[in-house]
C-alpha atoms as a PDB file:
ATOM      1  CA  MET A   1      27.835   8.669  -0.469  1.00  0.00           C
ATOM      2  CA  ALA A   2      24.543   7.094   0.625  1.00  0.00           C
ATOM      3  CA  LEU A   3      21.329   9.024   0.044  1.00  0.00           C
ATOM      4  CA  LEU A   4      20.530   9.472   3.737  1.00  0.00           C
ATOM      5  CA  ASP A   5      23.951   9.837   5.343  1.00  0.00           C
ATOM      6  CA  GLY A   6      23.563  11.970   8.453  1.00  0.00           C
ATOM      7  CA  LYS A   7      19.755  11.915   8.363  1.00  0.00           C
ATOM      8  CA  LYS A   8      17.836  11.126  11.560  1.00  0.00           C
ATOM      9  CA  ILE A   9      14.425   9.588  10.931  1.00  0.00           C
ATOM     10  CA  LEU A  10      11.705   8.481  13.361  1.00  0.00           C
ATOM     11  CA  ILE A  11       9.437   5.584  12.340  1.00  0.00           C
ATOM     12  CA  LEU A  12       6.047   4.923  13.927  1.00  0.00           C
ATOM     13  CA  GLY A  13       4.055   1.823  13.118  1.00  0.00           C
ATOM     14  CA  VAL A  14       6.414  -1.148  13.060  1.00  0.00           C
ATOM     15  CA  ALA A  15       4.574  -4.174  14.448  1.00  0.00           C
ATOM     16  CA  ASN A  16       6.571  -7.107  13.022  1.00  0.00           C
ATOM     17  CA  GLU A  17       8.694  -8.155  10.042  1.00  0.00           C
ATOM     18  CA  GLN A  18       5.694  -7.968   7.704  1.00  0.00           C
ATOM     19  CA  SER A  19       4.957  -4.315   8.503  1.00  0.00           C
ATOM     20  CA  ILE A  20       5.301  -1.871   5.630  1.00  0.00           C
ATOM     21  CA  ALA A  21       7.102   0.399   8.108  1.00  0.00           C
ATOM     22  CA  TRP A  22       9.703  -2.335   8.671  1.00  0.00           C
ATOM     23  CA  GLY A  23      10.390  -2.599   4.959  1.00  0.00           C
ATOM     24  CA  ILE A  24      10.846   1.170   4.888  1.00  0.00           C
ATOM     25  CA  ALA A  25      13.156   1.051   7.906  1.00  0.00           C
ATOM     26  CA  GLN A  26      15.447  -1.490   6.253  1.00  0.00           C
ATOM     27  CA  ALA A  27      15.713   0.614   3.091  1.00  0.00           C
ATOM     28  CA  LEU A  28      16.471   3.794   5.038  1.00  0.00           C
ATOM     29  CA  GLN A  29      19.103   2.069   7.146  1.00  0.00           C
ATOM     30  CA  ARG A  30      20.862   0.742   4.032  1.00  0.00           C
ATOM     31  CA  GLU A  31      21.106   4.312   2.780  1.00  0.00           C
ATOM     32  CA  GLY A  32      22.824   5.551   5.929  1.00  0.00           C
ATOM     33  CA  ALA A  33      19.964   6.925   8.049  1.00  0.00           C
ATOM     34  CA  THR A  34      20.009   6.897  11.832  1.00  0.00           C
ATOM     35  CA  LEU A  35      16.639   5.465  12.859  1.00  0.00           C
ATOM     36  CA  GLY A  36      14.343   5.764  15.839  1.00  0.00           C
ATOM     37  CA  PHE A  37      11.317   3.558  16.511  1.00  0.00           C
ATOM     38  CA  THR A  38       8.251   3.801  18.710  1.00  0.00           C
ATOM     39  CA  TYR A  39       5.971   1.300  20.386  1.00  0.00           C
ATOM     40  CA  MET A  40       2.510   1.730  21.915  1.00  0.00           C
ATOM     41  CA  ASN A  41       2.706  -0.622  24.895  1.00  0.00           C
ATOM     42  CA  GLU A  42       4.822  -3.325  26.505  1.00  0.00           C
ATOM     43  CA  ALA A  43       3.424  -6.073  24.285  1.00  0.00           C
ATOM     44  CA  LEU A  44       4.503  -4.235  21.137  1.00  0.00           C
ATOM     45  CA  GLU A  45       7.824  -3.271  22.681  1.00  0.00           C
ATOM     46  CA  LYS A  46       8.696  -6.985  22.771  1.00  0.00           C
ATOM     47  CA  ARG A  47       8.271  -7.048  18.982  1.00  0.00           C
ATOM     48  CA  VAL A  48       9.745  -3.668  18.078  1.00  0.00           C
ATOM     49  CA  ARG A  49      12.877  -3.587  20.227  1.00  0.00           C
ATOM     50  CA  PRO A  50      14.479  -6.769  18.791  1.00  0.00           C
ATOM     51  CA  LEU A  51      13.850  -5.474  15.267  1.00  0.00           C
ATOM     52  CA  ALA A  52      15.447  -2.135  16.134  1.00  0.00           C
ATOM     53  CA  GLU A  53      18.397  -3.937  17.700  1.00  0.00           C
ATOM     54  CA  SER A  54      18.864  -5.971  14.516  1.00  0.00           C
ATOM     55  CA  LEU A  55      19.582  -2.679  12.733  1.00  0.00           C
ATOM     56  CA  GLY A  56      21.820  -1.391  15.515  1.00  0.00           C
ATOM     57  CA  CYS A  57      19.176   1.070  16.725  1.00  0.00           C
ATOM     58  CA  GLY A  58      18.200  -0.523  20.032  1.00  0.00           C
ATOM     59  CA  GLU A  59      19.024   2.633  21.991  1.00  0.00           C
ATOM     60  CA  HIS A  60      16.577   4.683  19.912  1.00  0.00           C
ATOM     61  CA  VAL A  61      13.282   3.031  20.851  1.00  0.00           C
ATOM     62  CA  PHE A  62      10.628   5.231  22.438  1.00  0.00           C
ATOM     63  CA  ARG A  63       7.229   4.624  24.001  1.00  0.00           C
ATOM     64  CA  CYS A  64       4.467   6.562  22.241  1.00  0.00           C
ATOM     65  CA  ASP A  65       0.740   5.887  22.235  1.00  0.00           C
ATOM     66  CA  VAL A  66      -0.488   8.327  19.586  1.00  0.00           C
ATOM     67  CA  GLN A  67      -3.786   8.701  21.445  1.00  0.00           C
ATOM     68  CA  SER A  68      -1.939  10.336  24.326  1.00  0.00           C
ATOM     69  CA  ASP A  69      -0.803  13.953  23.941  1.00  0.00           C
ATOM     70  CA  ALA A  70       1.335  13.511  27.045  1.00  0.00           C
ATOM     71  CA  GLU A  71       3.196  10.542  25.549  1.00  0.00           C
ATOM     72  CA  ILE A  72       3.696  12.317  22.225  1.00  0.00           C
ATOM     73  CA  THR A  73       5.127  15.345  24.019  1.00  0.00           C
ATOM     74  CA  ALA A  74       7.375  13.235  26.244  1.00  0.00           C
ATOM     75  CA  MET A  75       8.637  11.206  23.293  1.00  0.00           C
ATOM     76  CA  PHE A  76       9.623  14.278  21.266  1.00  0.00           C
ATOM     77  CA  GLU A  77      11.281  15.875  24.305  1.00  0.00           C
ATOM     78  CA  GLU A  78      13.403  12.745  24.786  1.00  0.00           C
ATOM     79  CA  LEU A  79      14.140  12.582  21.063  1.00  0.00           C
ATOM     80  CA  GLY A  80      15.181  16.236  21.049  1.00  0.00           C
ATOM     81  CA  ASN A  81      17.493  15.709  24.029  1.00  0.00           C
ATOM     82  CA  ARG A  82      19.166  12.750  22.322  1.00  0.00           C
ATOM     83  CA  TRP A  83      19.322  13.888  18.706  1.00  0.00           C
ATOM     84  CA  GLY A  84      18.917  17.652  18.836  1.00  0.00           C
ATOM     85  CA  SER A  85      17.135  17.675  15.492  1.00  0.00           C
ATOM     86  CA  LEU A  86      15.029  15.468  13.232  1.00  0.00           C
ATOM     87  CA  ASP A  87      15.167  15.062   9.451  1.00  0.00           C
ATOM     88  CA  GLY A  88      12.290  12.704   8.747  1.00  0.00           C
ATOM     89  CA  LEU A  89       9.185  11.094  10.213  1.00  0.00           C
ATOM     90  CA  VAL A  90       7.347   8.022   8.926  1.00  0.00           C
ATOM     91  CA  HIS A  91       3.718   7.769  10.074  1.00  0.00           C
ATOM     92  CA  ALA A  92       2.526   4.206   9.483  1.00  0.00           C
ATOM     93  CA  VAL A  93      -0.145   4.122  12.175  1.00  0.00           C
ATOM     94  CA  ALA A  94      -3.775   3.116  11.634  1.00  0.00           C
ATOM     95  CA  PHE A  95      -6.452   1.284  13.595  1.00  0.00           C
ATOM     96  CA  ALA A  96     -10.182   0.585  13.565  1.00  0.00           C
ATOM     97  CA  ASP A  97     -12.377  -1.640  15.689  1.00  0.00           C
ATOM     98  CA  LYS A  98     -12.771  -4.971  13.915  1.00  0.00           C
ATOM     99  CA  LYS A  99     -16.577  -4.897  14.148  1.00  0.00           C
ATOM    100  CA  ASP A 100     -16.618  -1.560  12.331  1.00  0.00           C
ATOM    101  CA  LEU A 101     -14.836  -3.259   9.434  1.00  0.00           C
ATOM    102  CA  GLN A 102     -17.170  -6.248   9.449  1.00  0.00           C
ATOM    103  CA  ASN A 103     -20.497  -4.434   9.804  1.00  0.00           C
ATOM    104  CA  ARG A 104     -22.243  -2.251   7.243  1.00  0.00           C
ATOM    105  CA  PHE A 105     -20.722   1.225   7.007  1.00  0.00           C
ATOM    106  CA  SER A 106     -24.045   2.762   8.066  1.00  0.00           C
ATOM    107  CA  SER A 107     -23.757   0.792  11.304  1.00  0.00           C
ATOM    108  CA  THR A 108     -20.421   2.346  12.270  1.00  0.00           C
ATOM    109  CA  SER A 109     -20.555   3.323  15.923  1.00  0.00           C
ATOM    110  CA  ARG A 110     -19.781   6.839  17.061  1.00  0.00           C
ATOM    111  CA  ALA A 111     -17.013   5.531  19.302  1.00  0.00           C
ATOM    112  CA  GLY A 112     -15.625   3.393  16.473  1.00  0.00           C
ATOM    113  CA  PHE A 113     -15.570   6.340  14.076  1.00  0.00           C
ATOM    114  CA  GLN A 114     -13.814   8.528  16.622  1.00  0.00           C
ATOM    115  CA  LEU A 115     -11.261   5.792  17.339  1.00  0.00           C
ATOM    116  CA  ALA A 116     -10.388   5.262  13.673  1.00  0.00           C
ATOM    117  CA  MET A 117     -10.096   8.996  13.048  1.00  0.00           C
ATOM    118  CA  ASP A 118      -8.023   9.629  16.155  1.00  0.00           C
ATOM    119  CA  VAL A 119      -5.445   6.899  15.574  1.00  0.00           C
ATOM    120  CA  SER A 120      -5.350   6.893  11.775  1.00  0.00           C
ATOM    121  CA  ALA A 121      -5.784  10.573  10.874  1.00  0.00           C
ATOM    122  CA  TYR A 122      -5.496  12.994  13.779  1.00  0.00           C
ATOM    123  CA  SER A 123      -2.266  11.390  14.977  1.00  0.00           C
ATOM    124  CA  LEU A 124      -0.466  12.738  11.907  1.00  0.00           C
ATOM    125  CA  ILE A 125      -1.425  16.290  12.893  1.00  0.00           C
ATOM    126  CA  ALA A 126      -0.347  15.774  16.495  1.00  0.00           C
ATOM    127  CA  LEU A 127       2.999  14.274  15.507  1.00  0.00           C
ATOM    128  CA  ALA A 128       3.738  16.851  12.805  1.00  0.00           C
ATOM    129  CA  GLY A 129       3.136  19.711  15.216  1.00  0.00           C
ATOM    130  CA  LYS A 130       5.649  18.317  17.689  1.00  0.00           C
ATOM    131  CA  ALA A 131       8.159  17.379  14.981  1.00  0.00           C
ATOM    132  CA  GLU A 132       8.238  20.854  13.440  1.00  0.00           C
ATOM    133  CA  PRO A 133      10.518  22.493  16.060  1.00  0.00           C
ATOM    134  CA  LEU A 134      13.079  19.710  15.588  1.00  0.00           C
ATOM    135  CA  MET A 135      12.964  20.085  11.793  1.00  0.00           C
ATOM    136  CA  ARG A 136      12.722  23.847  11.505  1.00  0.00           C
ATOM    137  CA  GLU A 137      16.443  24.640  11.287  1.00  0.00           C
ATOM    138  CA  LYS A 138      17.281  22.305   8.367  1.00  0.00           C
ATOM    139  CA  GLY A 139      13.852  21.374   7.050  1.00  0.00           C
ATOM    140  CA  GLY A 140      12.560  17.842   6.889  1.00  0.00           C
ATOM    141  CA  ALA A 141      10.202  15.299   5.392  1.00  0.00           C
ATOM    142  CA  ILE A 142       7.066  13.689   6.810  1.00  0.00           C
ATOM    143  CA  LEU A 143       5.610  10.633   5.104  1.00  0.00           C
ATOM    144  CA  THR A 144       2.388   8.742   5.825  1.00  0.00           C
ATOM    145  CA  LEU A 145       0.708   5.676   4.353  1.00  0.00           C
ATOM    146  CA  SER A 146      -2.724   5.671   2.746  1.00  0.00           C
ATOM    147  CA  TYR A 147      -4.809   3.332   0.590  1.00  0.00           C
ATOM    148  CA  LEU A 148      -7.150   3.506  -2.408  1.00  0.00           C
ATOM    149  CA  GLY A 149     -10.106   3.117  -0.037  1.00  0.00           C
ATOM    150  CA  ALA A 150      -9.622   6.799   0.786  1.00  0.00           C
ATOM    151  CA  GLU A 151     -11.254   7.805  -2.487  1.00  0.00           C
ATOM    152  CA  ARG A 152     -13.047   4.710  -3.752  1.00  0.00           C
ATOM    153  CA  VAL A 153     -15.293   2.181  -2.086  1.00  0.00           C
ATOM    154  CA  VAL A 154     -13.378  -0.984  -1.207  1.00  0.00           C
ATOM    155  CA  SER A 155     -15.428  -3.831   0.204  1.00  0.00           C
ATOM    156  CA  ASN A 156     -15.009  -4.308   3.954  1.00  0.00           C
ATOM    157  CA  TYR A 157     -12.722  -1.266   4.321  1.00  0.00           C
ATOM    158  CA  ASN A 158     -15.586   0.844   5.663  1.00  0.00           C
ATOM    159  CA  VAL A 159     -14.592   3.288   8.420  1.00  0.00           C
ATOM    160  CA  MET A 160     -10.915   3.014   7.485  1.00  0.00           C
ATOM    161  CA  GLY A 161     -11.800   4.482   4.098  1.00  0.00           C
ATOM    162  CA  ALA A 162     -13.221   7.547   5.809  1.00  0.00           C
ATOM    163  CA  ALA A 163     -10.171   7.757   8.065  1.00  0.00           C
ATOM    164  CA  LYS A 164      -7.736   7.502   5.140  1.00  0.00           C
ATOM    165  CA  ALA A 165      -9.680  10.194   3.262  1.00  0.00           C
ATOM    166  CA  ALA A 166      -9.196  12.465   6.266  1.00  0.00           C
ATOM    167  CA  LEU A 167      -5.523  11.482   6.400  1.00  0.00           C
ATOM    168  CA  GLU A 168      -4.951  12.482   2.770  1.00  0.00           C
ATOM    169  CA  SER A 169      -6.653  15.820   3.390  1.00  0.00           C
ATOM    170  CA  ASN A 170      -4.404  16.289   6.424  1.00  0.00           C
ATOM    171  CA  VAL A 171      -1.387  15.744   4.174  1.00  0.00           C
ATOM    172  CA  ARG A 172      -2.398  18.668   1.977  1.00  0.00           C
ATOM    173  CA  TYR A 173      -3.207  21.043   4.834  1.00  0.00           C
ATOM    174  CA  LEU A 174      -0.026  20.149   6.715  1.00  0.00           C
ATOM    175  CA  ALA A 175       2.032  20.602   3.549  1.00  0.00           C
ATOM    176  CA  ALA A 176       0.647  24.122   3.177  1.00  0.00           C
ATOM    177  CA  ASP A 177       1.118  24.882   6.874  1.00  0.00           C
ATOM    178  CA  LEU A 178       4.621  23.480   7.371  1.00  0.00           C
ATOM    179  CA  GLY A 179       6.081  24.538   4.043  1.00  0.00           C
ATOM    180  CA  GLN A 180       7.239  27.797   5.613  1.00  0.00           C
ATOM    181  CA  SER A 181       9.541  25.690   7.791  1.00  0.00           C
ATOM    182  CA  ASN A 182      10.826  23.816   4.710  1.00  0.00           C
ATOM    183  CA  ILE A 183       9.031  20.664   5.827  1.00  0.00           C
ATOM    184  CA  ARG A 184       7.553  18.464   3.114  1.00  0.00           C
ATOM    185  CA  VAL A 185       4.502  16.279   3.821  1.00  0.00           C
ATOM    186  CA  ASN A 186       3.535  13.476   1.441  1.00  0.00           C
ATOM    187  CA  ALA A 187       1.703  10.161   1.362  1.00  0.00           C
ATOM    188  CA  ILE A 188       2.140   6.825  -0.337  1.00  0.00           C
ATOM    189  CA  SER A 189      -1.060   5.005  -1.257  1.00  0.00           C
ATOM    190  CA  ALA A 190       0.102   1.407  -1.338  1.00  0.00           C
ATOM    191  CA  GLY A 191      -1.656  -1.571  -2.809  1.00  0.00           C
ATOM    192  CA  PRO A 192      -2.694  -4.374  -0.433  1.00  0.00           C
ATOM    193  CA  ILE A 193       0.200  -6.103   1.316  1.00  0.00           C
ATOM    194  CA  LYS A 194       0.180  -9.021   3.754  1.00  0.00           C
ATOM    195  CA  THR A 195       0.525  -7.208   7.075  1.00  0.00           C
ATOM    196  CA  LEU A 196      -0.849  -7.794  10.566  1.00  0.00           C
ATOM    197  CA  ALA A 197      -3.255  -4.873  10.150  1.00  0.00           C
ATOM    198  CA  ALA A 198      -4.423  -5.968   6.705  1.00  0.00           C
ATOM    199  CA  TYR A 199      -5.554  -9.339   7.980  1.00  0.00           C
ATOM    200  CA  GLY A 200      -8.101  -7.525  10.131  1.00  0.00           C
ATOM    201  CA  ILE A 201      -9.986  -6.730   6.916  1.00  0.00           C
ATOM    202  CA  PRO A 202     -12.561  -9.439   6.135  1.00  0.00           C
ATOM    203  CA  HIS A 203     -11.800 -11.559   3.026  1.00  0.00           C
ATOM    204  CA  PHE A 204      -8.340  -9.997   2.652  1.00  0.00           C
ATOM    205  CA  LYS A 205      -6.901 -13.079   0.908  1.00  0.00           C
ATOM    206  CA  GLU A 206      -9.546 -12.779  -1.798  1.00  0.00           C
ATOM    207  CA  LEU A 207      -8.707  -9.098  -2.177  1.00  0.00           C
ATOM    208  CA  LEU A 208      -5.043  -9.952  -2.777  1.00  0.00           C
ATOM    209  CA  SER A 209      -5.809 -12.498  -5.474  1.00  0.00           C
ATOM    210  CA  GLN A 210      -8.263 -10.187  -7.252  1.00  0.00           C
ATOM    211  CA  PHE A 211      -5.769  -7.338  -7.106  1.00  0.00           C
ATOM    212  CA  ALA A 212      -2.989  -9.363  -8.721  1.00  0.00           C
ATOM    213  CA  ALA A 213      -5.323 -10.579 -11.454  1.00  0.00           C
ATOM    214  CA  ARG A 214      -6.548  -7.079 -12.372  1.00  0.00           C
ATOM    215  CA  ALA A 215      -3.617  -4.724 -11.730  1.00  0.00           C
ATOM    216  CA  PRO A 216      -1.869  -3.631 -14.957  1.00  0.00           C
ATOM    217  CA  LEU A 217       1.426  -5.150 -13.759  1.00  0.00           C
ATOM    218  CA  ARG A 218      -0.384  -8.406 -12.893  1.00  0.00           C
ATOM    219  CA  ARG A 219       1.187  -8.821  -9.464  1.00  0.00           C
ATOM    220  CA  ASN A 220       0.815  -7.746  -5.870  1.00  0.00           C
ATOM    221  CA  VAL A 221       2.789  -4.933  -4.267  1.00  0.00           C
ATOM    222  CA  THR A 222       5.751  -5.743  -2.022  1.00  0.00           C
ATOM    223  CA  GLN A 223       7.355  -4.131   1.004  1.00  0.00           C
ATOM    224  CA  GLU A 224      10.326  -3.317  -1.217  1.00  0.00           C
ATOM    225  CA  ASP A 225       8.139  -1.441  -3.721  1.00  0.00           C
ATOM    226  CA  VAL A 226       6.797   0.849  -1.018  1.00  0.00           C
ATOM    227  CA  ALA A 227      10.197   1.217   0.639  1.00  0.00           C
ATOM    228  CA  ALA A 228      11.752   2.453  -2.608  1.00  0.00           C
ATOM    229  CA  ALA A 229       9.119   5.181  -2.920  1.00  0.00           C
ATOM    230  CA  ALA A 230       9.579   6.082   0.746  1.00  0.00           C
ATOM    231  CA  LEU A 231      13.317   6.433   0.193  1.00  0.00           C
ATOM    232  CA  PHE A 232      12.610   8.929  -2.577  1.00  0.00           C
ATOM    233  CA  TYR A 233      10.291  11.012  -0.394  1.00  0.00           C
ATOM    234  CA  LEU A 234      12.592  11.017   2.640  1.00  0.00           C
ATOM    235  CA  SER A 235      15.677  11.952   0.644  1.00  0.00           C
ATOM    236  CA  ASN A 236      16.648  15.178  -1.082  1.00  0.00           C
ATOM    237  CA  MET A 237      15.527  13.691  -4.415  1.00  0.00           C
ATOM    238  CA  SER A 238      12.016  14.966  -3.605  1.00  0.00           C
ATOM    239  CA  ALA A 239      13.129  18.377  -2.352  1.00  0.00           C
ATOM    240  CA  ALA A 240      10.486  20.262  -4.365  1.00  0.00           C
ATOM    241  CA  ILE A 241       7.552  17.858  -3.822  1.00  0.00           C
ATOM    242  CA  THR A 242       4.979  18.275  -1.060  1.00  0.00           C
ATOM    243  CA  GLY A 243       1.296  17.656  -0.474  1.00  0.00           C
ATOM    244  CA  GLU A 244       1.207  14.678  -2.840  1.00  0.00           C
ATOM    245  CA  VAL A 245      -0.359  11.225  -2.659  1.00  0.00           C
ATOM    246  CA  THR A 246       1.659   8.783  -4.784  1.00  0.00           C
ATOM    247  CA  TYR A 247       0.185   5.417  -5.762  1.00  0.00           C
ATOM    248  CA  VAL A 248       2.451   2.414  -5.391  1.00  0.00           C
ATOM    249  CA  ASP A 249      -0.105  -0.167  -6.466  1.00  0.00           C
ATOM    250  CA  CYS A 250       1.055  -1.710  -9.747  1.00  0.00           C
ATOM    251  CA  GLY A 251      -1.287   0.684 -11.564  1.00  0.00           C
ATOM    252  CA  PHE A 252      -4.504  -0.576  -9.962  1.00  0.00           C
ATOM    253  CA  ASN A 253      -5.743   2.957  -9.234  1.00  0.00           C
ATOM    254  CA  ILE A 254      -6.090   3.799 -12.942  1.00  0.00           C
ATOM    255  CA  LEU A 255      -8.694   1.104 -13.606  1.00  0.00           C
ATOM    256  CA  GLY A 256     -12.405   1.556 -14.090  1.00  0.00           C
ATOM    257  CA  LEU A 257     -14.917  -1.250 -14.448  1.00  0.00           C
END
């Protein structure tokens, strides 16, 4: 029997084949999960829907701009009408204005800070609150994606570091809040991976090469590495684990100077 037979899992944040969320989706589907996907707008729908169809999930694709409470509510209402319940949610959503990554951190604009926090951190709270009623009967698992920049200074990560720090704090508070409904909330802090979002970070190619040279395992992280950890957290293997941030970064997080 596959690890996720009978499990219904919603994935937010697939943009293309290089997305970490797409690697996770493929792993979950291989283990028997029924998957749902979201897209923010029509342009992204053209990327997401064909990927969902390739896994046989084309009928489970929903519009959801995480900055819109109305769209979040409508999406979960439609999901509830179709599925009746939800077993897992993957939050792989983050965004910051490019100039707030390129400029000095002290030059971060108020609007840019609010944007990064809203999309990258608050959205987890909004989604978890709407997911809870669909998970309450059987319990469930919520997983988000973070990065080392949440707790250490990473060049050119800037406002996203602050947003990821807030996200990791949200994981702990949500874990405490939703535990009474048998809902687990965890995060994976992945090493740098070649994704569409990552290439918005200045000098990202140099970051990748430096990471591989210094990480204890002497290599970069892959989609498959993160997907394997996600499979653990979204399955019953992690039934007693919540509020954790797990590093999938070839050991890079343990290093000092």
